[in-house]
PDB file of N, CA and C in Angstrom:
ATOM      1  N   UNK A   1     -13.629 -20.640   3.080  1.00  0.00           N
ATOM      2  CA  UNK A   1     -12.309 -21.213   2.884  1.00  0.00           C
ATOM      3  C   UNK A   1     -11.378 -20.199   2.206  1.00  0.00           C
ATOM      4  N   UNK A   2     -11.838 -19.579   1.135  1.00  0.00           N
ATOM      5  CA  UNK A   2     -11.008 -18.601   0.435  1.00  0.00           C
ATOM      6  C   UNK A   2     -10.685 -17.426   1.343  1.00  0.00           C
ATOM      7  N   UNK A   3     -11.663 -17.000   2.111  1.00  0.00           N
ATOM      8  CA  UNK A   3     -11.453 -15.882   3.030  1.00  0.00           C
ATOM      9  C   UNK A   3     -10.385 -16.229   4.066  1.00  0.00           C
ATOM     10  N   UNK A   4     -10.421 -17.448   4.584  1.00  0.00           N
ATOM     11  CA  UNK A   4      -9.436 -17.893   5.556  1.00  0.00           C
ATOM     12  C   UNK A   4      -8.048 -17.971   4.907  1.00  0.00           C
ATOM     13  N   UNK A   5      -7.989 -18.452   3.683  1.00  0.00           N
ATOM     14  CA  UNK A   5      -6.712 -18.538   2.971  1.00  0.00           C
ATOM     15  C   UNK A   5      -6.116 -17.153   2.766  1.00  0.00           C
ATOM     16  N   UNK A   6      -6.945 -16.200   2.412  1.00  0.00           N
ATOM     17  CA  UNK A   6      -6.475 -14.824   2.224  1.00  0.00           C
ATOM     18  C   UNK A   6      -5.957 -14.269   3.550  1.00  0.00           C
ATOM     19  N   UNK A   7      -6.661 -14.562   4.621  1.00  0.00           N
ATOM     20  CA  UNK A   7      -6.231 -14.098   5.950  1.00  0.00           C
ATOM     21  C   UNK A   7      -4.880 -14.704   6.319  1.00  0.00           C
ATOM     22  N   UNK A   8      -4.721 -15.987   6.074  1.00  0.00           N
ATOM     23  CA  UNK A   8      -3.455 -16.661   6.372  1.00  0.00           C
ATOM     24  C   UNK A   8      -2.330 -16.044   5.553  1.00  0.00           C
ATOM     25  N   UNK A   9      -2.568 -15.824   4.280  1.00  0.00           N
ATOM     26  CA  UNK A   9      -1.533 -15.247   3.435  1.00  0.00           C
ATOM     27  C   UNK A   9      -1.182 -13.826   3.869  1.00  0.00           C
ATOM     28  N   UNK A  10      -2.178 -13.040   4.236  1.00  0.00           N
ATOM     29  CA  UNK A  10      -1.917 -11.669   4.673  1.00  0.00           C
ATOM     30  C   UNK A  10      -1.106 -11.648   5.963  1.00  0.00           C
ATOM     31  N   UNK A  11      -1.455 -12.494   6.903  1.00  0.00           N
ATOM     32  CA  UNK A  11      -0.702 -12.541   8.155  1.00  0.00           C
ATOM     33  C   UNK A  11       0.699 -13.098   7.950  1.00  0.00           C
ATOM     34  N   UNK A  12       0.822 -14.063   7.078  1.00  0.00           N
ATOM     35  CA  UNK A  12       2.139 -14.620   6.776  1.00  0.00           C
ATOM     36  C   UNK A  12       3.029 -13.567   6.139  1.00  0.00           C
ATOM     37  N   UNK A  13       2.474 -12.818   5.213  1.00  0.00           N
ATOM     38  CA  UNK A  13       3.251 -11.757   4.581  1.00  0.00           C
ATOM     39  C   UNK A  13       3.650 -10.698   5.589  1.00  0.00           C
ATOM     40  N   UNK A  14       2.800 -10.453   6.562  1.00  0.00           N
ATOM     41  CA  UNK A  14       3.151  -9.501   7.617  1.00  0.00           C
ATOM     42  C   UNK A  14       4.322 -10.026   8.433  1.00  0.00           C
ATOM     43  N   UNK A  15       4.315 -11.310   8.722  1.00  0.00           N
ATOM     44  CA  UNK A  15       5.436 -11.913   9.449  1.00  0.00           C
ATOM     45  C   UNK A  15       6.723 -11.832   8.632  1.00  0.00           C
ATOM     46  N   UNK A  16       6.603 -12.167   7.368  1.00  0.00           N
ATOM     47  CA  UNK A  16       7.770 -12.143   6.497  1.00  0.00           C
ATOM     48  C   UNK A  16       8.255 -10.715   6.300  1.00  0.00           C
ATOM     49  N   UNK A  17       7.313  -9.790   6.189  1.00  0.00           N
ATOM     50  CA  UNK A  17       7.685  -8.387   6.042  1.00  0.00           C
ATOM     51  C   UNK A  17       8.500  -7.896   7.216  1.00  0.00           C
ATOM     52  N   UNK A  18       8.234  -8.419   8.394  1.00  0.00           N
ATOM     53  CA  UNK A  18       8.994  -8.016   9.574  1.00  0.00           C
ATOM     54  C   UNK A  18      10.443  -8.472   9.475  1.00  0.00           C
ATOM     55  N   UNK A  19      10.671  -9.523   8.735  1.00  0.00           N
ATOM     56  CA  UNK A  19      12.023 -10.036   8.599  1.00  0.00           C
ATOM     57  C   UNK A  19      12.653  -9.651   7.262  1.00  0.00           C
ATOM     58  N   UNK A  20      11.897  -8.941   6.453  1.00  0.00           N
ATOM     59  CA  UNK A  20      12.373  -8.615   5.114  1.00  0.00           C
ATOM     60  C   UNK A  20      13.422  -7.519   5.142  1.00  0.00           C
ATOM     61  N   UNK A  21      14.033  -7.374   4.049  1.00  0.00           N
ATOM     62  CA  UNK A  21      15.064  -6.383   3.858  1.00  0.00           C
ATOM     63  C   UNK A  21      15.825  -6.791   2.620  1.00  0.00           C
ATOM     64  N   UNK A  22      16.881  -6.152   2.372  1.00  0.00           N
ATOM     65  CA  UNK A  22      17.705  -6.544   1.243  1.00  0.00           C
ATOM     66  C   UNK A  22      18.567  -7.706   1.694  1.00  0.00           C
ATOM     67  N   UNK A  23      18.181  -8.895   1.267  1.00  0.00           N
ATOM     68  CA  UNK A  23      18.849 -10.104   1.747  1.00  0.00           C
ATOM     69  C   UNK A  23      20.337 -10.104   1.416  1.00  0.00           C
ATOM     70  N   UNK A  24      20.735  -9.471   0.324  1.00  0.00           N
ATOM     71  CA  UNK A  24      22.129  -9.472  -0.073  1.00  0.00           C
ATOM     72  C   UNK A  24      22.999  -8.751   0.943  1.00  0.00           C
ATOM     73  N   UNK A  25      22.396  -7.949   1.798  1.00  0.00           N
ATOM     74  CA  UNK A  25      23.154  -7.205   2.798  1.00  0.00           C
ATOM     75  C   UNK A  25      23.415  -8.040   4.048  1.00  0.00           C
ATOM     76  N   UNK A  26      22.920  -9.268   4.090  1.00  0.00           N
ATOM     77  CA  UNK A  26      23.019 -10.085   5.293  1.00  0.00           C
ATOM     78  C   UNK A  26      23.738 -11.398   5.023  1.00  0.00           C
ATOM     79  N   UNK A  27      24.432 -11.900   6.031  1.00  0.00           N
ATOM     80  CA  UNK A  27      25.079 -13.218   5.886  1.00  0.00           C
ATOM     81  C   UNK A  27      24.054 -14.342   6.030  1.00  0.00           C
ATOM     82  N   UNK A  28      24.452 -15.544   5.688  1.00  0.00           N
ATOM     83  CA  UNK A  28      23.583 -16.715   5.782  1.00  0.00           C
ATOM     84  C   UNK A  28      23.035 -16.886   7.192  1.00  0.00           C
ATOM     85  N   UNK A  29      23.822 -16.563   8.186  1.00  0.00           N
ATOM     86  CA  UNK A  29      23.367 -16.719   9.568  1.00  0.00           C
ATOM     87  C   UNK A  29      22.126 -15.866   9.850  1.00  0.00           C
ATOM     88  N   UNK A  30      22.020 -14.716   9.200  1.00  0.00           N
ATOM     89  CA  UNK A  30      20.822 -13.876   9.341  1.00  0.00           C
ATOM     90  C   UNK A  30      19.607 -14.618   8.786  1.00  0.00           C
ATOM     91  N   UNK A  31      19.769 -15.184   7.603  1.00  0.00           N
ATOM     92  CA  UNK A  31      18.675 -15.939   6.991  1.00  0.00           C
ATOM     93  C   UNK A  31      18.243 -17.078   7.908  1.00  0.00           C
ATOM     94  N   UNK A  32      19.223 -17.793   8.465  1.00  0.00           N
ATOM     95  CA  UNK A  32      18.927 -18.915   9.357  1.00  0.00           C
ATOM     96  C   UNK A  32      18.134 -18.466  10.580  1.00  0.00           C
ATOM     97  N   UNK A  33      18.591 -17.408  11.227  1.00  0.00           N
ATOM     98  CA  UNK A  33      17.929 -16.967  12.461  1.00  0.00           C
ATOM     99  C   UNK A  33      16.537 -16.397  12.181  1.00  0.00           C
ATOM    100  N   UNK A  34      16.401 -15.650  11.095  1.00  0.00           N
ATOM    101  CA  UNK A  34      15.093 -15.096  10.761  1.00  0.00           C
ATOM    102  C   UNK A  34      14.112 -16.191  10.365  1.00  0.00           C
ATOM    103  N   UNK A  35      14.601 -17.194   9.648  1.00  0.00           N
ATOM    104  CA  UNK A  35      13.727 -18.311   9.273  1.00  0.00           C
ATOM    105  C   UNK A  35      13.232 -19.025  10.529  1.00  0.00           C
ATOM    106  N   UNK A  36      14.114 -19.261  11.467  1.00  0.00           N
ATOM    107  CA  UNK A  36      13.712 -19.934  12.702  1.00  0.00           C
ATOM    108  C   UNK A  36      12.660 -19.110  13.450  1.00  0.00           C
ATOM    109  N   UNK A  37      12.857 -17.800  13.482  1.00  0.00           N
ATOM    110  CA  UNK A  37      11.891 -16.918  14.133  1.00  0.00           C
ATOM    111  C   UNK A  37      10.537 -16.980  13.424  1.00  0.00           C
ATOM    112  N   UNK A  38      10.555 -16.899  12.104  1.00  0.00           N
ATOM    113  CA  UNK A  38       9.317 -16.970  11.332  1.00  0.00           C
ATOM    114  C   UNK A  38       8.633 -18.317  11.512  1.00  0.00           C
ATOM    115  N   UNK A  39       9.408 -19.381  11.460  1.00  0.00           N
ATOM    116  CA  UNK A  39       8.874 -20.736  11.595  1.00  0.00           C
ATOM    117  C   UNK A  39       8.145 -20.884  12.927  1.00  0.00           C
ATOM    118  N   UNK A  40       8.770 -20.443  13.994  1.00  0.00           N
ATOM    119  CA  UNK A  40       8.162 -20.537  15.326  1.00  0.00           C
ATOM    120  C   UNK A  40       6.941 -19.625  15.457  1.00  0.00           C
ATOM    121  N   UNK A  41       7.003 -18.445  14.841  1.00  0.00           N
ATOM    122  CA  UNK A  41       5.890 -17.496  14.918  1.00  0.00           C
ATOM    123  C   UNK A  41       4.633 -18.052  14.256  1.00  0.00           C
ATOM    124  N   UNK A  42       4.797 -18.897  13.274  1.00  0.00           N
ATOM    125  CA  UNK A  42       3.630 -19.476  12.599  1.00  0.00           C
ATOM    126  C   UNK A  42       2.765 -20.255  13.585  1.00  0.00           C
ATOM    127  N   UNK A  43       3.385 -21.051  14.438  1.00  0.00           N
ATOM    128  CA  UNK A  43       2.630 -21.848  15.412  1.00  0.00           C
ATOM    129  C   UNK A  43       1.995 -20.962  16.476  1.00  0.00           C
ATOM    130  N   UNK A  44       2.640 -19.852  16.777  1.00  0.00           N
ATOM    131  CA  UNK A  44       2.096 -18.934  17.773  1.00  0.00           C
ATOM    132  C   UNK A  44       0.916 -18.135  17.223  1.00  0.00           C
ATOM    133  N   UNK A  45       0.963 -17.811  15.941  1.00  0.00           N
ATOM    134  CA  UNK A  45      -0.041 -16.934  15.357  1.00  0.00           C
ATOM    135  C   UNK A  45      -1.280 -17.681  14.871  1.00  0.00           C
ATOM    136  N   UNK A  46      -1.115 -18.896  14.361  1.00  0.00           N
ATOM    137  CA  UNK A  46      -2.231 -19.625  13.765  1.00  0.00           C
ATOM    138  C   UNK A  46      -2.636 -20.812  14.625  1.00  0.00           C
ATOM    139  N   UNK A  47      -3.927 -21.130  14.592  1.00  0.00           N
ATOM    140  CA  UNK A  47      -4.434 -22.191  15.467  1.00  0.00           C
ATOM    141  C   UNK A  47      -4.664 -23.528  14.760  1.00  0.00           C
ATOM    142  N   UNK A  48      -4.865 -23.519  13.459  1.00  0.00           N
ATOM    143  CA  UNK A  48      -5.091 -24.790  12.768  1.00  0.00           C
ATOM    144  C   UNK A  48      -3.806 -25.272  12.105  1.00  0.00           C
ATOM    145  N   UNK A  49      -3.668 -26.569  12.022  1.00  0.00           N
ATOM    146  CA  UNK A  49      -2.454 -27.140  11.432  1.00  0.00           C
ATOM    147  C   UNK A  49      -2.302 -26.749   9.964  1.00  0.00           C
ATOM    148  N   UNK A  50      -3.419 -26.606   9.269  1.00  0.00           N
ATOM    149  CA  UNK A  50      -3.364 -26.198   7.865  1.00  0.00           C
ATOM    150  C   UNK A  50      -2.803 -24.790   7.737  1.00  0.00           C
ATOM    151  N   UNK A  51      -3.274 -23.882   8.578  1.00  0.00           N
ATOM    152  CA  UNK A  51      -2.787 -22.507   8.534  1.00  0.00           C
ATOM    153  C   UNK A  51      -1.328 -22.418   8.946  1.00  0.00           C
ATOM    154  N   UNK A  52      -0.951 -23.189   9.958  1.00  0.00           N
ATOM    155  CA  UNK A  52       0.455 -23.205  10.396  1.00  0.00           C
ATOM    156  C   UNK A  52       1.333 -23.699   9.255  1.00  0.00           C
ATOM    157  N   UNK A  53       0.903 -24.751   8.577  1.00  0.00           N
ATOM    158  CA  UNK A  53       1.701 -25.297   7.480  1.00  0.00           C
ATOM    159  C   UNK A  53       1.812 -24.304   6.323  1.00  0.00           C
ATOM    160  N   UNK A  54       0.746 -23.614   5.997  1.00  0.00           N
ATOM    161  CA  UNK A  54       0.802 -22.601   4.927  1.00  0.00           C
ATOM    162  C   UNK A  54       1.782 -21.493   5.296  1.00  0.00           C
ATOM    163  N   UNK A  55       1.713 -21.068   6.534  1.00  0.00           N
ATOM    164  CA  UNK A  55       2.622 -20.031   7.014  1.00  0.00           C
ATOM    165  C   UNK A  55       4.064 -20.509   6.929  1.00  0.00           C
ATOM    166  N   UNK A  56       4.307 -21.730   7.381  1.00  0.00           N
ATOM    167  CA  UNK A  56       5.667 -22.270   7.350  1.00  0.00           C
ATOM    168  C   UNK A  56       6.164 -22.450   5.922  1.00  0.00           C
ATOM    169  N   UNK A  57       5.278 -22.805   5.013  1.00  0.00           N
ATOM    170  CA  UNK A  57       5.675 -22.907   3.604  1.00  0.00           C
ATOM    171  C   UNK A  57       6.096 -21.544   3.065  1.00  0.00           C
ATOM    172  N   UNK A  58       5.343 -20.514   3.416  1.00  0.00           N
ATOM    173  CA  UNK A  58       5.694 -19.156   2.982  1.00  0.00           C
ATOM    174  C   UNK A  58       7.012 -18.717   3.617  1.00  0.00           C
ATOM    175  N   UNK A  59       7.216 -19.064   4.870  1.00  0.00           N
ATOM    176  CA  UNK A  59       8.476 -18.735   5.542  1.00  0.00           C
ATOM    177  C   UNK A  59       9.640 -19.430   4.854  1.00  0.00           C
ATOM    178  N   UNK A  60       9.434 -20.674   4.447  1.00  0.00           N
ATOM    179  CA  UNK A  60      10.491 -21.408   3.763  1.00  0.00           C
ATOM    180  C   UNK A  60      10.803 -20.784   2.408  1.00  0.00           C
ATOM    181  N   UNK A  61       9.790 -20.332   1.709  1.00  0.00           N
ATOM    182  CA  UNK A  61      10.033 -19.651   0.427  1.00  0.00           C
ATOM    183  C   UNK A  61      10.862 -18.384   0.649  1.00  0.00           C
ATOM    184  N   UNK A  62      10.532 -17.637   1.698  1.00  0.00           N
ATOM    185  CA  UNK A  62      11.327 -16.452   2.026  1.00  0.00           C
ATOM    186  C   UNK A  62      12.770 -16.854   2.321  1.00  0.00           C
ATOM    187  N   UNK A  63      12.931 -17.906   3.096  1.00  0.00           N
ATOM    188  CA  UNK A  63      14.260 -18.396   3.479  1.00  0.00           C
ATOM    189  C   UNK A  63      15.084 -18.765   2.248  1.00  0.00           C
ATOM    190  N   UNK A  64      14.474 -19.456   1.316  1.00  0.00           N
ATOM    191  CA  UNK A  64      15.191 -19.835   0.085  1.00  0.00           C
ATOM    192  C   UNK A  64      15.642 -18.601  -0.677  1.00  0.00           C
ATOM    193  N   UNK A  65      14.754 -17.611  -0.768  1.00  0.00           N
ATOM    194  CA  UNK A  65      15.137 -16.361  -1.441  1.00  0.00           C
ATOM    195  C   UNK A  65      16.248 -15.635  -0.706  1.00  0.00           C
ATOM    196  N   UNK A  66      16.187 -15.655   0.598  1.00  0.00           N
ATOM    197  CA  UNK A  66      17.235 -15.026   1.403  1.00  0.00           C
ATOM    198  C   UNK A  66      18.583 -15.714   1.152  1.00  0.00           C
ATOM    199  N   UNK A  67      18.569 -17.041   1.175  1.00  0.00           N
ATOM    200  CA  UNK A  67      19.811 -17.792   0.933  1.00  0.00           C
ATOM    201  C   UNK A  67      20.350 -17.545  -0.466  1.00  0.00           C
ATOM    202  N   UNK A  68      19.449 -17.440  -1.430  1.00  0.00           N
ATOM    203  CA  UNK A  68      19.871 -17.188  -2.810  1.00  0.00           C
ATOM    204  C   UNK A  68      20.618 -15.861  -2.938  1.00  0.00           C
ATOM    205  N   UNK A  69      20.298 -14.907  -2.079  1.00  0.00           N
ATOM    206  CA  UNK A  69      20.886 -13.578  -2.172  1.00  0.00           C
ATOM    207  C   UNK A  69      21.853 -13.241  -1.045  1.00  0.00           C
ATOM    208  N   UNK A  70      22.084 -14.187  -0.141  1.00  0.00           N
ATOM    209  CA  UNK A  70      22.941 -13.915   1.009  1.00  0.00           C
ATOM    210  C   UNK A  70      24.396 -13.730   0.571  1.00  0.00           C
ATOM    211  N   UNK A  71      25.085 -12.891   1.314  1.00  0.00           N
ATOM    212  CA  UNK A  71      26.493 -12.655   1.017  1.00  0.00           C
ATOM    213  C   UNK A  71      27.366 -13.624   1.815  1.00  0.00           C
ATOM    214  N   UNK A  72      28.600 -13.748   1.423  1.00  0.00           N
ATOM    215  CA  UNK A  72      29.573 -14.578   2.135  1.00  0.00           C
ATOM    216  C   UNK A  72      30.382 -13.694   3.074  1.00  0.00           C
ATOM    217  N   UNK A  73      29.705 -12.920   3.879  1.00  0.00           N
ATOM    218  CA  UNK A  73      30.409 -11.980   4.749  1.00  0.00           C
ATOM    219  C   UNK A  73      30.388 -12.438   6.196  1.00  0.00           C
TER     220      UNK A  73
END
């Protein structure tokens, strides 16, 4: 179980890393589109509902951080 959790977290971080950057340099629309991409990628990458949900939770945390730092540009 722990090994699977570590695998899920590592893959989720890889997904988030692909969308990462300095969030302050992007408008809210960037955060929205990247979150949608990450959210959908979770279902494509993971096969169990538990893993998909963990991935989506991590994507949502990234999204919240992105929104917190997004510019009004």
